[in-house]
Amino acid sequence: MILNMAFKNFIRQGMRAWLNVLVTALILIAVVFALSLLNGFQAQALRNMASTDVAGGHYRVPGFDILEPTEWEDLTLPVPDKLARLPHSDKAEVLVQQGQLFPNRRLFPVQLRGVEVEQTLLELPLEPLRRENPEVGPIIPVILGTKMAEEAHLSVGDTVVLKWRDRHGAVDALDVRVVDVVPLINPRIDEGVVWMRLDHLRTITDRPNEVTWVAVKEPVGSIAGFEFQSVDALMSDLLTLLRHDRRNTRILWIILISLAAISVFNTQILSVFKRQKEIGTLMALGMTPERVVRLFTLEGSFAALLALVVAVILGVPFFIWFQGVGFDVSHLSETGFPVREKIFLDIRPWEVIISTLVTVSIVIAVAWAPVKKIVRLDPTQALRGRAIT
């Protein structure tokens, strides 16, 4: 009986009730969308980092730091037999050295990164280098990322002087030709990086069979002379940034839920104030204050329950449409995020369930809070409309 009466009273509220339902539904959709979009962005960023650079971790020369280029020349070692025996699909040997380009009579410090062209572990567009002669000729072929080519004002077919220092400290120089400019989704391997064949870089720096690190598909245990750096360690800066983004998303989630709660709370306060005579009549006819409180709480709770239905009706088609078009993040090409393509929602059921339960619980709680004072009302004052001022 109370449930039926509460529903009829809710419907009689008219536009005010349905606005509460719509606002709560839109807020629930916004919460799920924000969380899922962040999940999709994070998953894509981590996947791009792993597929282009990190893989399953690195076996690095101890003490190597990518932010200390003056130390790179002293931190190379021969490839251990245990790693050399791995198939090309499970490892990628990388040698990093410091160099200088001289495009258009300008000095441009660069990172010379040599990678074995036979490897298939990292998703790198190395096909033009695979076609080149493994012997070093008078002109060395190199590949640049689009961002690097833009900063250096170089394009496919351009020839420029490259200077470097070999293992003995001798300075040498040769011409290099840009055989391809490729879009790289990971800025770590684009800005300031010149890609070369590993055998070419080893030859010109006189470092036969030496590497700076070996990226592996899976760890193979401890290796003498090398230290293993896990995926989390190599992505620590990105993971920290993503944790901050998730914290900011939680703040947004709290703000949105608060808006839904304030909307329902305001409606309940107004409803109790305007319906004092109705409350007094119900109590005079024998309805206990506790049942009256339950009646008004149920009325407020219908806003949350119907909001779930509306959220499903509006949200499911929207999410299906969004998964078909994605979210363009090409503007991030100017930042350090390893995401340049469209991202899509990564909807996690447990997040949807928790968000829904929390939203419904808070709305029901704020529907009950304003009407709990009904228990202390004097029926005679309520009949006069003076119980609440």
Protein backbone atom coordinates (compact mmCIF):
# COMPACT_ATOMS: atom_id res chain seq x y z
CA MET A 1 0.00 0.00 0.00
CA ILE A 2 2.73 2.47 0.98
CA LEU A 3 4.72 1.61 -2.14
CA ASN A 4 1.73 2.25 -4.40
CA MET A 5 0.90 5.51 -2.62
CA ALA A 6 4.53 6.66 -2.80
CA PHE A 7 4.67 6.04 -6.55
CA LYS A 8 1.44 7.95 -7.18
CA ASN A 9 2.67 10.85 -5.05
CA PHE A 10 5.95 10.84 -6.99
CA ILE A 11 4.13 11.02 -10.32
CA ARG A 12 1.93 13.86 -9.03
CA GLN A 13 5.04 15.97 -8.48
CA GLY A 14 5.10 16.40 -12.26
CA MET A 15 7.98 18.10 -14.01
CA ARG A 16 10.01 18.59 -10.83
CA ALA A 17 10.18 14.83 -10.23
CA TRP A 18 11.12 14.00 -13.81
CA LEU A 19 13.81 16.67 -13.84
CA ASN A 20 15.36 14.96 -10.81
CA VAL A 21 15.21 11.66 -12.65
CA LEU A 22 16.81 13.11 -15.79
CA VAL A 23 19.55 14.94 -13.88
CA THR A 24 20.43 11.82 -11.86
CA ALA A 25 20.44 9.66 -15.01
CA LEU A 26 22.70 12.07 -16.91
CA ILE A 27 25.06 12.29 -13.95
CA LEU A 28 25.25 8.49 -13.77
CA ILE A 29 26.00 8.33 -17.51
CA ALA A 30 28.66 11.05 -17.13
CA VAL A 31 30.34 9.20 -14.26
CA VAL A 32 30.52 5.91 -16.16
CA PHE A 33 31.68 7.72 -19.31
CA ALA A 34 34.47 9.60 -17.51
CA LEU A 35 35.77 6.48 -15.78
CA SER A 36 35.58 4.37 -18.95
CA LEU A 37 37.26 7.04 -21.07
CA LEU A 38 40.12 7.29 -18.59
CA ASN A 39 40.41 3.49 -18.58
CA GLY A 40 40.58 3.47 -22.37
CA PHE A 41 43.16 6.23 -22.44
CA GLN A 42 45.31 4.50 -19.82
CA ALA A 43 45.10 1.12 -21.53
CA GLN A 44 46.01 2.62 -24.90
CA ALA A 45 48.92 4.62 -23.50
CA LEU A 46 50.38 1.62 -21.69
CA ARG A 47 49.86 -0.62 -24.70
CA ASN A 48 51.62 1.85 -27.00
CA MET A 49 54.53 2.20 -24.59
CA ALA A 50 54.91 -1.56 -24.29
CA SER A 51 54.61 -2.29 -28.01
CA THR A 52 57.08 0.38 -29.18
CA ASP A 53 59.71 0.59 -26.45
CA VAL A 54 59.25 -1.22 -23.15
CA ALA A 55 57.98 -4.67 -24.22
CA GLY A 56 58.14 -6.99 -21.18
CA GLY A 57 61.07 -5.15 -19.59
CA HIS A 58 64.70 -4.27 -20.32
CA TYR A 59 68.01 -5.87 -19.44
CA ARG A 60 70.12 -2.72 -19.19
CA VAL A 61 73.73 -1.90 -18.55
CA PRO A 62 73.91 -0.91 -14.86
CA GLY A 63 73.89 2.84 -14.31
CA PHE A 64 72.39 3.76 -17.67
CA ASP A 65 70.04 6.75 -17.51
CA ILE A 66 68.33 8.01 -20.66
CA LEU A 67 68.43 11.54 -19.17
CA GLU A 68 72.25 11.56 -18.95
CA PRO A 69 73.49 11.53 -22.57
CA THR A 70 77.08 12.35 -21.59
CA GLU A 71 77.33 8.91 -19.95
CA TRP A 72 75.89 6.84 -22.82
CA GLU A 73 79.23 6.21 -24.51
CA ASP A 74 80.65 4.52 -21.42
CA LEU A 75 77.63 2.31 -20.73
CA THR A 76 77.60 -0.43 -23.36
CA LEU A 77 78.38 -4.13 -23.01
CA PRO A 78 78.48 -7.20 -25.27
CA VAL A 79 75.20 -9.07 -25.56
CA PRO A 80 75.11 -11.99 -23.07
CA ASP A 81 74.80 -15.42 -24.66
CA LYS A 82 71.56 -16.09 -22.80
CA LEU A 83 69.93 -13.10 -24.46
CA ALA A 84 71.62 -13.56 -27.83
CA ARG A 85 70.10 -17.05 -28.13
CA LEU A 86 66.55 -15.73 -27.82
CA PRO A 87 64.53 -15.66 -31.07
CA HIS A 88 63.95 -12.30 -32.75
CA SER A 89 60.30 -12.42 -31.69
CA ASP A 90 61.32 -12.45 -28.00
CA LYS A 91 64.05 -9.82 -27.84
CA ALA A 92 65.22 -6.58 -29.43
CA GLU A 93 68.83 -5.42 -29.07
CA VAL A 94 69.25 -1.64 -28.80
CA LEU A 95 72.38 0.51 -28.81
CA VAL A 96 72.10 4.18 -27.80
CA GLN A 97 74.78 6.77 -28.51
CA GLN A 98 75.05 10.53 -28.60
CA GLY A 99 75.39 12.42 -31.89
CA GLN A 100 74.93 15.78 -33.56
CA LEU A 101 73.13 16.59 -36.78
CA PHE A 102 73.91 19.72 -38.80
CA PRO A 103 70.72 20.49 -40.76
CA ASN A 104 70.80 23.83 -42.60
CA ARG A 105 74.06 24.80 -40.85
CA ARG A 106 72.52 24.35 -37.41
CA LEU A 107 73.69 22.10 -34.57
CA PHE A 108 71.03 19.62 -33.50
CA PRO A 109 71.94 17.18 -30.65
CA VAL A 110 70.32 13.80 -31.21
CA GLN A 111 70.07 10.34 -29.74
CA LEU A 112 71.40 7.71 -32.12
CA ARG A 113 69.36 4.62 -31.53
CA GLY A 114 70.38 1.46 -33.34
CA VAL A 115 67.99 -1.48 -33.31
CA GLU A 116 68.34 -4.88 -34.93
CA VAL A 117 66.12 -4.81 -37.98
CA GLU A 118 65.31 -8.54 -37.75
CA GLN A 119 63.46 -8.15 -34.46
CA THR A 120 59.66 -8.41 -34.40
CA LEU A 121 59.11 -7.79 -30.70
CA LEU A 122 58.74 -4.01 -30.97
CA GLU A 123 56.26 -2.52 -33.41
CA LEU A 124 58.58 -0.16 -35.23
CA PRO A 125 58.36 0.87 -38.91
CA LEU A 126 61.83 -0.37 -39.82
CA GLU A 127 61.09 -1.84 -43.24
CA PRO A 128 63.11 0.83 -45.16
CA LEU A 129 66.16 0.04 -43.00
CA ARG A 130 65.76 -3.71 -43.58
CA ARG A 131 66.20 -3.15 -47.29
CA GLU A 132 69.49 -1.31 -46.81
CA ASN A 133 72.92 -2.90 -47.17
CA PRO A 134 74.30 -4.04 -43.77
CA GLU A 135 77.70 -2.70 -44.81
CA VAL A 136 78.36 0.95 -44.01
CA GLY A 137 78.66 3.01 -47.19
CA PRO A 138 79.55 6.65 -47.80
CA ILE A 139 75.99 7.64 -46.81
CA ILE A 140 74.19 6.06 -43.85
CA PRO A 141 70.39 5.53 -44.10
CA VAL A 142 68.33 6.72 -41.15
CA ILE A 143 64.66 7.01 -40.20
CA LEU A 144 63.05 9.93 -38.37
CA GLY A 145 59.75 10.33 -36.60
CA THR A 146 57.40 13.03 -37.86
CA LYS A 147 57.96 15.22 -34.81
CA MET A 148 61.74 14.90 -35.09
CA ALA A 149 61.64 15.65 -38.82
CA GLU A 150 59.50 18.71 -38.20
CA GLU A 151 61.84 20.08 -35.52
CA ALA A 152 64.94 19.46 -37.65
CA HIS A 153 63.24 20.67 -40.87
CA LEU A 154 64.12 17.45 -42.68
CA SER A 155 62.12 15.33 -45.09
CA VAL A 156 62.51 12.07 -47.01
CA GLY A 157 65.55 12.13 -49.28
CA ASP A 158 67.39 14.90 -47.42
CA THR A 159 71.09 14.40 -46.71
CA VAL A 160 72.70 15.93 -43.64
CA VAL A 161 76.01 15.65 -41.77
CA LEU A 162 76.07 13.46 -38.66
CA LYS A 163 78.90 13.68 -36.13
CA TRP A 164 79.59 11.17 -33.33
CA ARG A 165 82.33 9.87 -31.05
CA ASP A 166 83.50 6.25 -31.17
CA ARG A 167 84.49 4.06 -28.24
CA HIS A 168 88.07 5.39 -28.32
CA GLY A 169 86.96 9.02 -28.07
CA ALA A 170 87.73 9.83 -31.70
CA VAL A 171 85.28 12.20 -33.39
CA ASP A 172 84.04 11.16 -36.83
CA ALA A 173 81.39 12.34 -39.25
CA LEU A 174 79.51 11.06 -42.29
CA ASP A 175 76.52 12.04 -44.35
CA VAL A 176 73.21 10.41 -43.48
CA ARG A 177 70.16 10.22 -45.74
CA VAL A 178 66.60 10.27 -44.45
CA VAL A 179 65.05 7.23 -46.12
CA ASP A 180 61.68 7.58 -44.38
CA VAL A 181 59.72 9.83 -42.03
CA VAL A 182 57.23 7.77 -40.02
CA PRO A 183 54.47 8.64 -37.54
CA LEU A 184 55.50 7.31 -34.13
CA ILE A 185 52.80 7.26 -31.46
CA ASN A 186 55.35 7.22 -28.66
CA PRO A 187 57.12 10.60 -28.24
CA ARG A 188 59.97 8.92 -26.34
CA ILE A 189 61.14 7.29 -29.56
CA ASP A 190 60.42 10.27 -31.79
CA GLU A 191 61.64 13.61 -30.47
CA GLY A 192 65.41 13.94 -30.77
CA VAL A 193 65.87 10.32 -31.93
CA VAL A 194 67.60 9.18 -35.13
CA TRP A 195 66.91 5.52 -35.94
CA MET A 196 69.66 3.45 -37.56
CA ARG A 197 70.44 -0.16 -38.29
CA LEU A 198 72.12 -1.71 -35.27
CA ASP A 199 74.96 -3.10 -37.36
CA HIS A 200 75.61 0.36 -38.85
CA LEU A 201 75.76 2.07 -35.45
CA ARG A 202 78.02 -0.67 -34.07
CA THR A 203 80.36 -0.28 -37.01
CA ILE A 204 80.74 3.50 -36.95
CA THR A 205 81.22 3.59 -33.15
CA ASP A 206 83.50 0.52 -33.13
CA ARG A 207 81.28 -1.41 -30.69
CA PRO A 208 80.89 -4.89 -32.19
CA ASN A 209 78.12 -6.97 -30.60
CA GLU A 210 77.52 -4.32 -27.90
CA VAL A 211 74.19 -3.02 -26.66
CA THR A 212 72.84 -0.52 -24.19
CA TRP A 213 69.82 -2.66 -23.39
CA VAL A 214 67.92 -5.66 -24.63
CA ALA A 215 64.12 -5.48 -24.59
CA VAL A 216 62.59 -8.89 -23.89
CA LYS A 217 59.13 -10.36 -24.17
CA GLU A 218 59.43 -11.99 -20.76
CA PRO A 219 62.13 -11.92 -18.05
CA VAL A 220 64.65 -14.77 -18.32
CA GLY A 221 66.14 -14.53 -14.83
CA SER A 222 69.21 -12.73 -13.59
CA ILE A 223 72.06 -12.09 -16.05
CA ALA A 224 75.56 -11.21 -14.93
CA GLY A 225 76.58 -7.67 -15.79
CA PHE A 226 73.03 -6.52 -16.60
CA GLU A 227 70.18 -5.32 -14.43
CA PHE A 228 66.56 -6.03 -15.24
CA GLN A 229 64.13 -3.13 -15.24
CA SER A 230 60.48 -4.09 -15.04
CA VAL A 231 57.64 -2.57 -17.05
CA ASP A 232 56.46 -0.62 -13.99
CA ALA A 233 59.91 0.85 -13.46
CA LEU A 234 60.27 1.90 -17.10
CA MET A 235 56.79 3.44 -17.14
CA SER A 236 56.94 4.96 -13.66
CA ASP A 237 56.52 8.55 -14.86
CA LEU A 238 53.54 7.67 -17.05
CA LEU A 239 51.94 5.56 -14.31
CA THR A 240 52.32 8.42 -11.83
CA LEU A 241 50.67 10.82 -14.25
CA LEU A 242 47.80 8.41 -14.85
CA ARG A 243 47.30 7.99 -11.10
CA HIS A 244 46.93 11.76 -10.79
CA ASP A 245 44.40 11.73 -13.63
CA ARG A 246 42.41 9.02 -11.88
CA ARG A 247 42.43 11.06 -8.67
CA ASN A 248 41.11 14.04 -10.58
CA THR A 249 38.39 11.86 -12.09
CA ARG A 250 37.32 10.81 -8.60
CA ILE A 251 36.99 14.48 -7.65
CA LEU A 252 34.77 15.03 -10.70
CA TRP A 253 32.77 11.95 -9.71
CA ILE A 254 32.20 13.37 -6.21
CA ILE A 255 31.08 16.72 -7.64
CA LEU A 256 28.58 15.09 -10.02
CA ILE A 257 27.13 12.84 -7.33
CA SER A 258 26.82 15.83 -5.03
CA LEU A 259 24.79 17.67 -7.67
CA ALA A 260 22.37 14.76 -7.94
CA ALA A 261 22.10 14.57 -4.15
CA ILE A 262 21.44 18.32 -3.81
CA SER A 263 18.72 18.13 -6.46
CA VAL A 264 16.84 15.35 -4.63
CA PHE A 265 17.46 16.93 -1.21
CA ASN A 266 15.99 20.23 -2.37
CA THR A 267 12.92 18.48 -3.81
CA GLN A 268 12.32 16.57 -0.58
CA ILE A 269 12.62 19.69 1.60
CA LEU A 270 10.16 21.54 -0.60
CA SER A 271 7.79 18.57 -0.67
CA VAL A 272 7.71 18.22 3.11
CA PHE A 273 7.21 21.96 3.58
CA LYS A 274 4.34 22.22 1.10
CA ARG A 275 2.55 19.05 2.24
CA GLN A 276 2.35 19.66 5.97
CA LYS A 277 -1.45 19.45 6.02
CA GLU A 278 -1.31 16.15 4.13
CA ILE A 279 1.20 14.82 6.66
CA GLY A 280 -1.02 15.96 9.55
CA THR A 281 -4.06 14.31 7.95
CA LEU A 282 -2.21 11.00 7.52
CA MET A 283 -1.02 11.05 11.12
CA ALA A 284 -4.53 12.00 12.36
CA LEU A 285 -5.97 9.02 10.46
CA GLY A 286 -3.64 6.70 12.37
CA MET A 287 -0.53 6.46 10.24
CA THR A 288 2.51 6.36 12.49
CA PRO A 289 5.26 8.95 11.97
CA GLU A 290 7.67 6.15 11.01
CA ARG A 291 5.33 5.06 8.18
CA VAL A 292 5.01 8.65 7.00
CA VAL A 293 8.80 8.92 6.90
CA ARG A 294 8.94 5.67 4.95
CA LEU A 295 6.33 7.01 2.51
CA PHE A 296 8.27 10.21 1.75
CA THR A 297 11.58 8.34 1.58
CA LEU A 298 10.12 5.98 -1.00
CA GLU A 299 8.93 8.94 -3.03
CA GLY A 300 12.46 10.34 -3.09
CA SER A 301 13.93 6.92 -3.82
CA PHE A 302 11.89 6.60 -7.00
CA ALA A 303 14.05 9.36 -8.46
CA ALA A 304 17.10 7.10 -8.11
CA LEU A 305 15.36 3.93 -9.30
CA LEU A 306 13.77 5.54 -12.34
CA ALA A 307 17.08 7.28 -13.07
CA LEU A 308 18.67 3.85 -13.52
CA VAL A 309 16.05 2.98 -16.14
CA VAL A 310 16.50 6.30 -17.96
CA ALA A 311 20.33 5.94 -17.75
CA VAL A 312 20.10 2.56 -19.48
CA ILE A 313 17.72 3.88 -22.15
CA LEU A 314 19.89 6.90 -22.92
CA GLY A 315 23.33 5.54 -22.04
CA VAL A 316 23.46 2.26 -23.97
CA PRO A 317 22.82 3.84 -27.42
CA PHE A 318 25.26 6.64 -26.61
CA PHE A 319 28.04 4.24 -25.58
CA ILE A 320 27.44 2.07 -28.67
CA TRP A 321 27.67 5.16 -30.89
CA PHE A 322 30.80 6.40 -29.14
CA GLN A 323 32.56 3.05 -29.56
CA GLY A 324 31.98 3.40 -33.28
CA VAL A 325 33.55 6.86 -33.64
CA GLY A 326 36.05 7.02 -30.74
CA PHE A 327 37.61 10.13 -29.25
CA ASP A 328 40.21 11.99 -31.30
CA VAL A 329 43.29 12.86 -29.23
CA SER A 330 45.52 14.03 -32.06
CA HIS A 331 45.98 17.28 -30.12
CA LEU A 332 48.13 15.30 -27.68
CA SER A 333 50.87 15.15 -30.32
CA GLU A 334 52.35 18.22 -28.64
CA THR A 335 52.52 16.53 -25.24
CA GLY A 336 54.45 13.61 -23.82
CA PHE A 337 51.52 11.19 -23.86
CA PRO A 338 52.17 8.08 -25.98
CA VAL A 339 48.70 8.30 -27.55
CA ARG A 340 48.10 9.90 -30.92
CA GLU A 341 45.23 7.84 -32.36
CA LYS A 342 41.57 7.64 -31.35
CA ILE A 343 40.77 6.12 -28.00
CA PHE A 344 37.71 4.11 -27.04
CA LEU A 345 35.86 3.37 -23.83
CA ASP A 346 37.08 0.58 -21.61
CA ILE A 347 33.93 -0.17 -19.60
CA ARG A 348 34.66 -2.22 -16.49
CA PRO A 349 31.53 -3.87 -15.03
CA TRP A 350 32.68 -3.57 -11.43
CA GLU A 351 33.14 0.20 -11.82
CA VAL A 352 29.66 0.53 -13.31
CA ILE A 353 28.14 -1.52 -10.48
CA ILE A 354 29.97 0.40 -7.74
CA SER A 355 29.13 3.79 -9.29
CA THR A 356 25.48 2.78 -9.61
CA LEU A 357 25.22 1.46 -6.05
CA VAL A 358 26.94 4.52 -4.58
CA THR A 359 24.76 6.92 -6.57
CA VAL A 360 21.53 5.15 -5.64
CA SER A 361 22.56 4.87 -1.98
CA ILE A 362 23.43 8.56 -1.71
CA VAL A 363 20.21 9.64 -3.42
CA ILE A 364 18.14 7.44 -1.09
CA ALA A 365 20.04 8.79 1.92
CA VAL A 366 19.38 12.41 0.97
CA ALA A 367 15.75 11.51 0.26
CA TRP A 368 15.45 10.28 3.86
CA ALA A 369 17.43 13.05 5.60
CA PRO A 370 14.95 15.93 5.10
CA VAL A 371 11.89 13.89 6.13
CA LYS A 372 13.25 12.32 9.30
CA LYS A 373 12.03 15.35 11.28
CA ILE A 374 8.46 14.23 10.51
CA VAL A 375 8.80 11.83 13.45
CA ARG A 376 8.81 14.82 15.80
CA LEU A 377 5.88 16.65 14.21
CA ASP A 378 2.77 17.57 16.19
CA PRO A 379 -0.24 16.40 14.09
CA THR A 380 -2.35 19.38 15.14
CA GLN A 381 0.32 21.83 14.08
CA ALA A 382 0.84 19.92 10.86
CA LEU A 383 -2.91 20.17 10.07
CA ARG A 384 -2.61 23.93 10.43
CA GLY A 385 0.43 23.99 8.17
CA ARG A 386 2.64 25.41 10.93
CA ALA A 387 4.67 22.38 11.95
CA ILE A 388 7.63 23.37 9.77
CA THR A 389 8.69 26.97 9.39
